[in-house]
Amino acid sequence: MAQGKQLEDLEVWQAAEALVVEIHRLTREGTLAKDYGVSDQLQRAATEVMAEIAGGYEQGGRQLADGLHRAKGAVGKVRSLLHVAKDLGHIPEQRRAELLEHLANIARQLGGFIRYLEKGPAPSAAPPDQRPNRPPEPRGAVASGPGPGPAPRGYRA
């Protein structure tokens, strides 16, 4: 977490919030509105994506990555439930495809954020003229210097 950053500033959280709104609107339409089991599960799974990002962010540290992993799992739940809704004739293929693309975008953002937190940016992230000119640290040594660098585009955590 960067100083002064709010949860609401995270692009991945904003995308998850938009997903919740889209899913709630979807579940109020047509025959899906009458299939309480599927519509309820869709709403809960979409909300879980957003809530797990928030929970991890507020806890910070290792719990942030854990929350992002759980959010990514919830993305899979929503994807599966959209297939069920389509197979049951509740939503047209085009609408499902749009939502699946939105979910794929969220999954990519979560995956990138998780990689950033767990490994830091790749050494080639800085232009060659801005890379530190130091010999590699011996095995098991703690690296000195600044932290892992800036967050990947869109994460600003």
C-alpha atoms as a PDB file:
ATOM      1  CA  MET A   1       0.000   0.000   0.000  1.00  0.00           C
ATOM      2  CA  ALA A   2       1.311   3.413  -0.885  1.00  0.00           C
ATOM      3  CA  GLN A   3       0.926   6.305   1.488  1.00  0.00           C
ATOM      4  CA  GLY A   4      -2.253   8.258   0.959  1.00  0.00           C
ATOM      5  CA  LYS A   5      -3.807   5.686  -1.360  1.00  0.00           C
ATOM      6  CA  GLN A   6      -7.341   4.600  -0.728  1.00  0.00           C
ATOM      7  CA  LEU A   7      -8.893   1.281  -1.621  1.00  0.00           C
ATOM      8  CA  GLU A   8     -11.182   3.101  -4.028  1.00  0.00           C
ATOM      9  CA  ASP A   9      -8.119   4.289  -5.998  1.00  0.00           C
ATOM     10  CA  LEU A  10      -7.209   0.738  -7.073  1.00  0.00           C
ATOM     11  CA  GLU A  11      -8.238   0.153 -10.687  1.00  0.00           C
ATOM     12  CA  VAL A  12      -8.789  -3.544 -10.029  1.00  0.00           C
ATOM     13  CA  TRP A  13     -11.183  -2.715  -7.176  1.00  0.00           C
ATOM     14  CA  GLN A  14     -13.001  -0.242  -9.434  1.00  0.00           C
ATOM     15  CA  ALA A  15     -13.353  -2.946 -12.108  1.00  0.00           C
ATOM     16  CA  ALA A  16     -14.710  -5.348  -9.475  1.00  0.00           C
ATOM     17  CA  GLU A  17     -17.206  -2.735  -8.310  1.00  0.00           C
ATOM     18  CA  ALA A  18     -18.417  -2.282 -11.908  1.00  0.00           C
ATOM     19  CA  LEU A  19     -18.769  -6.079 -12.154  1.00  0.00           C
ATOM     20  CA  VAL A  20     -20.999  -6.166  -9.065  1.00  0.00           C
ATOM     21  CA  VAL A  21     -23.264  -3.513 -10.570  1.00  0.00           C
ATOM     22  CA  GLU A  22     -23.423  -5.353 -13.922  1.00  0.00           C
ATOM     23  CA  ILE A  23     -24.213  -8.690 -12.277  1.00  0.00           C
ATOM     24  CA  HIS A  24     -26.928  -7.195 -10.064  1.00  0.00           C
ATOM     25  CA  ARG A  25     -28.550  -5.570 -13.105  1.00  0.00           C
ATOM     26  CA  LEU A  26     -28.295  -8.826 -15.042  1.00  0.00           C
ATOM     27  CA  THR A  27     -29.940 -10.825 -12.271  1.00  0.00           C
ATOM     28  CA  ARG A  28     -32.963  -8.513 -12.287  1.00  0.00           C
ATOM     29  CA  GLU A  29     -33.693  -9.231 -15.977  1.00  0.00           C
ATOM     30  CA  GLY A  30     -35.737 -11.911 -17.701  1.00  0.00           C
ATOM     31  CA  THR A  31     -35.876 -15.479 -16.482  1.00  0.00           C
ATOM     32  CA  LEU A  32     -32.690 -15.114 -14.451  1.00  0.00           C
ATOM     33  CA  ALA A  33     -34.615 -12.867 -12.051  1.00  0.00           C
ATOM     34  CA  LYS A  34     -36.877 -15.852 -11.280  1.00  0.00           C
ATOM     35  CA  ASP A  35     -34.048 -18.372 -10.826  1.00  0.00           C
ATOM     36  CA  TYR A  36     -33.222 -17.365  -7.264  1.00  0.00           C
ATOM     37  CA  GLY A  37     -30.522 -19.977  -6.796  1.00  0.00           C
ATOM     38  CA  VAL A  38     -28.378 -18.975  -9.768  1.00  0.00           C
ATOM     39  CA  SER A  39     -29.030 -15.232  -9.432  1.00  0.00           C
ATOM     40  CA  ASP A  40     -28.171 -15.273  -5.706  1.00  0.00           C
ATOM     41  CA  GLN A  41     -24.963 -17.229  -6.311  1.00  0.00           C
ATOM     42  CA  LEU A  42     -23.951 -14.842  -9.118  1.00  0.00           C
ATOM     43  CA  GLN A  43     -24.527 -11.810  -6.909  1.00  0.00           C
ATOM     44  CA  ARG A  44     -22.616 -13.317  -3.996  1.00  0.00           C
ATOM     45  CA  ALA A  45     -19.668 -14.449  -6.121  1.00  0.00           C
ATOM     46  CA  ALA A  46     -19.359 -11.050  -7.845  1.00  0.00           C
ATOM     47  CA  THR A  47     -19.527  -9.280  -4.493  1.00  0.00           C
ATOM     48  CA  GLU A  48     -16.890 -11.677  -3.153  1.00  0.00           C
ATOM     49  CA  VAL A  49     -14.417 -10.506  -5.830  1.00  0.00           C
ATOM     50  CA  MET A  50     -14.745  -6.921  -4.653  1.00  0.00           C
ATOM     51  CA  ALA A  51     -14.845  -7.796  -0.943  1.00  0.00           C
ATOM     52  CA  GLU A  52     -11.718 -10.001  -1.038  1.00  0.00           C
ATOM     53  CA  ILE A  53      -9.727  -7.219  -2.705  1.00  0.00           C
ATOM     54  CA  ALA A  54     -10.938  -4.822  -0.001  1.00  0.00           C
ATOM     55  CA  GLY A  55     -10.237  -7.213   2.868  1.00  0.00           C
ATOM     56  CA  GLY A  56      -6.709  -7.923   1.713  1.00  0.00           C
ATOM     57  CA  TYR A  57      -6.002  -4.254   1.080  1.00  0.00           C
ATOM     58  CA  GLU A  58      -7.146  -3.201   4.532  1.00  0.00           C
ATOM     59  CA  GLN A  59      -5.118  -5.945   6.245  1.00  0.00           C
ATOM     60  CA  GLY A  60      -2.032  -5.234   4.151  1.00  0.00           C
ATOM     61  CA  GLY A  61       1.178  -7.240   4.096  1.00  0.00           C
ATOM     62  CA  ARG A  62       0.900 -10.884   3.109  1.00  0.00           C
ATOM     63  CA  GLN A  63      -2.872 -10.725   3.587  1.00  0.00           C
ATOM     64  CA  LEU A  64      -3.134  -8.443   0.550  1.00  0.00           C
ATOM     65  CA  ALA A  65      -1.757 -11.148  -1.752  1.00  0.00           C
ATOM     66  CA  ASP A  66      -3.942 -13.756  -0.018  1.00  0.00           C
ATOM     67  CA  GLY A  67      -7.031 -11.593  -0.548  1.00  0.00           C
ATOM     68  CA  LEU A  68      -6.138 -11.122  -4.212  1.00  0.00           C
ATOM     69  CA  HIS A  69      -5.786 -14.891  -4.625  1.00  0.00           C
ATOM     70  CA  ARG A  70      -9.236 -15.383  -3.088  1.00  0.00           C
ATOM     71  CA  ALA A  71     -10.647 -12.662  -5.342  1.00  0.00           C
ATOM     72  CA  LYS A  72      -9.198 -14.467  -8.365  1.00  0.00           C
ATOM     73  CA  GLY A  73     -10.916 -17.648  -7.204  1.00  0.00           C
ATOM     74  CA  ALA A  74     -14.199 -15.749  -6.957  1.00  0.00           C
ATOM     75  CA  VAL A  75     -13.696 -14.584 -10.555  1.00  0.00           C
ATOM     76  CA  GLY A  76     -13.692 -18.265 -11.515  1.00  0.00           C
ATOM     77  CA  LYS A  77     -16.953 -18.779  -9.632  1.00  0.00           C
ATOM     78  CA  VAL A  78     -18.626 -15.944 -11.524  1.00  0.00           C
ATOM     79  CA  ARG A  79     -17.341 -17.314 -14.839  1.00  0.00           C
ATOM     80  CA  SER A  80     -18.738 -20.756 -14.076  1.00  0.00           C
ATOM     81  CA  LEU A  81     -22.093 -19.369 -12.987  1.00  0.00           C
ATOM     82  CA  LEU A  82     -22.347 -17.329 -16.195  1.00  0.00           C
ATOM     83  CA  HIS A  83     -21.937 -20.565 -18.144  1.00  0.00           C
ATOM     84  CA  VAL A  84     -24.726 -22.121 -16.061  1.00  0.00           C
ATOM     85  CA  ALA A  85     -26.978 -19.098 -16.660  1.00  0.00           C
ATOM     86  CA  LYS A  86     -26.325 -19.286 -20.410  1.00  0.00           C
ATOM     87  CA  ASP A  87     -26.864 -23.057 -20.539  1.00  0.00           C
ATOM     88  CA  LEU A  88     -30.191 -22.636 -18.724  1.00  0.00           C
ATOM     89  CA  GLY A  89     -31.290 -20.042 -21.272  1.00  0.00           C
ATOM     90  CA  HIS A  90     -31.224 -17.102 -18.860  1.00  0.00           C
ATOM     91  CA  ILE A  91     -28.728 -14.914 -20.752  1.00  0.00           C
ATOM     92  CA  PRO A  92     -27.802 -14.586 -24.430  1.00  0.00           C
ATOM     93  CA  GLU A  93     -24.350 -15.614 -25.615  1.00  0.00           C
ATOM     94  CA  GLN A  94     -23.338 -12.050 -26.499  1.00  0.00           C
ATOM     95  CA  ARG A  95     -24.059 -10.781 -22.977  1.00  0.00           C
ATOM     96  CA  ARG A  96     -22.192 -13.699 -21.442  1.00  0.00           C
ATOM     97  CA  ALA A  97     -19.219 -13.026 -23.741  1.00  0.00           C
ATOM     98  CA  GLU A  98     -19.133  -9.360 -22.666  1.00  0.00           C
ATOM     99  CA  LEU A  99     -19.151 -10.323 -19.000  1.00  0.00           C
ATOM    100  CA  LEU A 100     -16.511 -13.010 -19.537  1.00  0.00           C
ATOM    101  CA  GLU A 101     -14.257 -10.390 -21.147  1.00  0.00           C
ATOM    102  CA  HIS A 102     -14.774  -8.104 -18.144  1.00  0.00           C
ATOM    103  CA  LEU A 103     -13.881 -11.016 -15.852  1.00  0.00           C
ATOM    104  CA  ALA A 104     -10.789 -11.851 -17.921  1.00  0.00           C
ATOM    105  CA  ASN A 105      -9.646  -8.247 -17.516  1.00  0.00           C
ATOM    106  CA  ILE A 106     -10.115  -8.423 -13.737  1.00  0.00           C
ATOM    107  CA  ALA A 107      -8.271 -11.770 -13.602  1.00  0.00           C
ATOM    108  CA  ARG A 108      -5.337 -10.272 -15.565  1.00  0.00           C
ATOM    109  CA  GLN A 109      -5.190  -7.286 -13.215  1.00  0.00           C
ATOM    110  CA  LEU A 110      -5.314  -9.524 -10.158  1.00  0.00           C
ATOM    111  CA  GLY A 111      -2.629 -11.826 -11.573  1.00  0.00           C
ATOM    112  CA  GLY A 112      -0.320  -8.904 -12.313  1.00  0.00           C
ATOM    113  CA  PHE A 113      -0.882  -7.400  -8.886  1.00  0.00           C
ATOM    114  CA  ILE A 114      -0.192 -10.767  -7.220  1.00  0.00           C
ATOM    115  CA  ARG A 115       3.027 -11.222  -9.227  1.00  0.00           C
ATOM    116  CA  TYR A 116       4.121  -7.719  -8.290  1.00  0.00           C
ATOM    117  CA  LEU A 117       3.525  -8.352  -4.590  1.00  0.00           C
ATOM    118  CA  GLU A 118       5.150 -11.780  -4.543  1.00  0.00           C
ATOM    119  CA  LYS A 119       8.166 -11.162  -6.768  1.00  0.00           C
ATOM    120  CA  GLY A 120       8.475  -7.459  -7.447  1.00  0.00           C
ATOM    121  CA  PRO A 121       8.957  -6.108 -10.957  1.00  0.00           C
ATOM    122  CA  ALA A 122      11.262  -7.824 -13.420  1.00  0.00           C
ATOM    123  CA  PRO A 123      14.865  -6.519 -13.466  1.00  0.00           C
ATOM    124  CA  SER A 124      14.308  -5.195 -16.977  1.00  0.00           C
ATOM    125  CA  ALA A 125      11.519  -2.918 -15.712  1.00  0.00           C
ATOM    126  CA  ALA A 126      13.956  -0.012 -15.434  1.00  0.00           C
ATOM    127  CA  PRO A 127      15.685   1.322 -18.558  1.00  0.00           C
ATOM    128  CA  PRO A 128      19.323   0.092 -18.762  1.00  0.00           C
ATOM    129  CA  ASP A 129      20.727   3.541 -17.962  1.00  0.00           C
ATOM    130  CA  GLN A 130      18.692   3.667 -14.726  1.00  0.00           C
ATOM    131  CA  ARG A 131      19.499   0.189 -13.393  1.00  0.00           C
ATOM    132  CA  PRO A 132      21.836  -0.010 -10.394  1.00  0.00           C
ATOM    133  CA  ASN A 133      25.347  -1.016 -11.401  1.00  0.00           C
ATOM    134  CA  ARG A 134      26.018  -3.478  -8.589  1.00  0.00           C
ATOM    135  CA  PRO A 135      27.296  -7.019  -8.600  1.00  0.00           C
ATOM    136  CA  PRO A 136      24.659  -9.646  -7.787  1.00  0.00           C
ATOM    137  CA  GLU A 137      24.017 -10.303  -4.115  1.00  0.00           C
ATOM    138  CA  PRO A 138      25.410 -13.593  -2.774  1.00  0.00           C
ATOM    139  CA  ARG A 139      22.890 -16.406  -2.289  1.00  0.00           C
ATOM    140  CA  GLY A 140      20.868 -15.967   0.865  1.00  0.00           C
ATOM    141  CA  ALA A 141      21.887 -12.341   1.289  1.00  0.00           C
ATOM    142  CA  VAL A 142      19.306  -9.691   1.900  1.00  0.00           C
ATOM    143  CA  ALA A 143      19.290  -7.197  -0.942  1.00  0.00           C
ATOM    144  CA  SER A 144      19.915  -3.610   0.003  1.00  0.00           C
ATOM    145  CA  GLY A 145      18.560  -0.499  -1.618  1.00  0.00           C
ATOM    146  CA  PRO A 146      15.066   0.559  -2.501  1.00  0.00           C
ATOM    147  CA  GLY A 147      12.054  -1.762  -2.463  1.00  0.00           C
ATOM    148  CA  PRO A 148      10.673  -3.617  -5.458  1.00  0.00           C
ATOM    149  CA  GLY A 149       9.947  -0.420  -7.386  1.00  0.00           C
ATOM    150  CA  PRO A 150       6.752   1.073  -8.687  1.00  0.00           C
ATOM    151  CA  ALA A 151       3.605  -0.996  -8.985  1.00  0.00           C
ATOM    152  CA  PRO A 152       2.644  -2.236 -12.458  1.00  0.00           C
ATOM    153  CA  ARG A 153       0.412   0.076 -14.477  1.00  0.00           C
ATOM    154  CA  GLY A 154      -3.089   0.195 -13.061  1.00  0.00           C
ATOM    155  CA  TYR A 155      -2.295  -1.040  -9.533  1.00  0.00           C
ATOM    156  CA  ARG A 156      -0.977   1.987  -7.717  1.00  0.00           C
ATOM    157  CA  ALA A 157      -1.153   0.151  -4.416  1.00  0.00           C
END
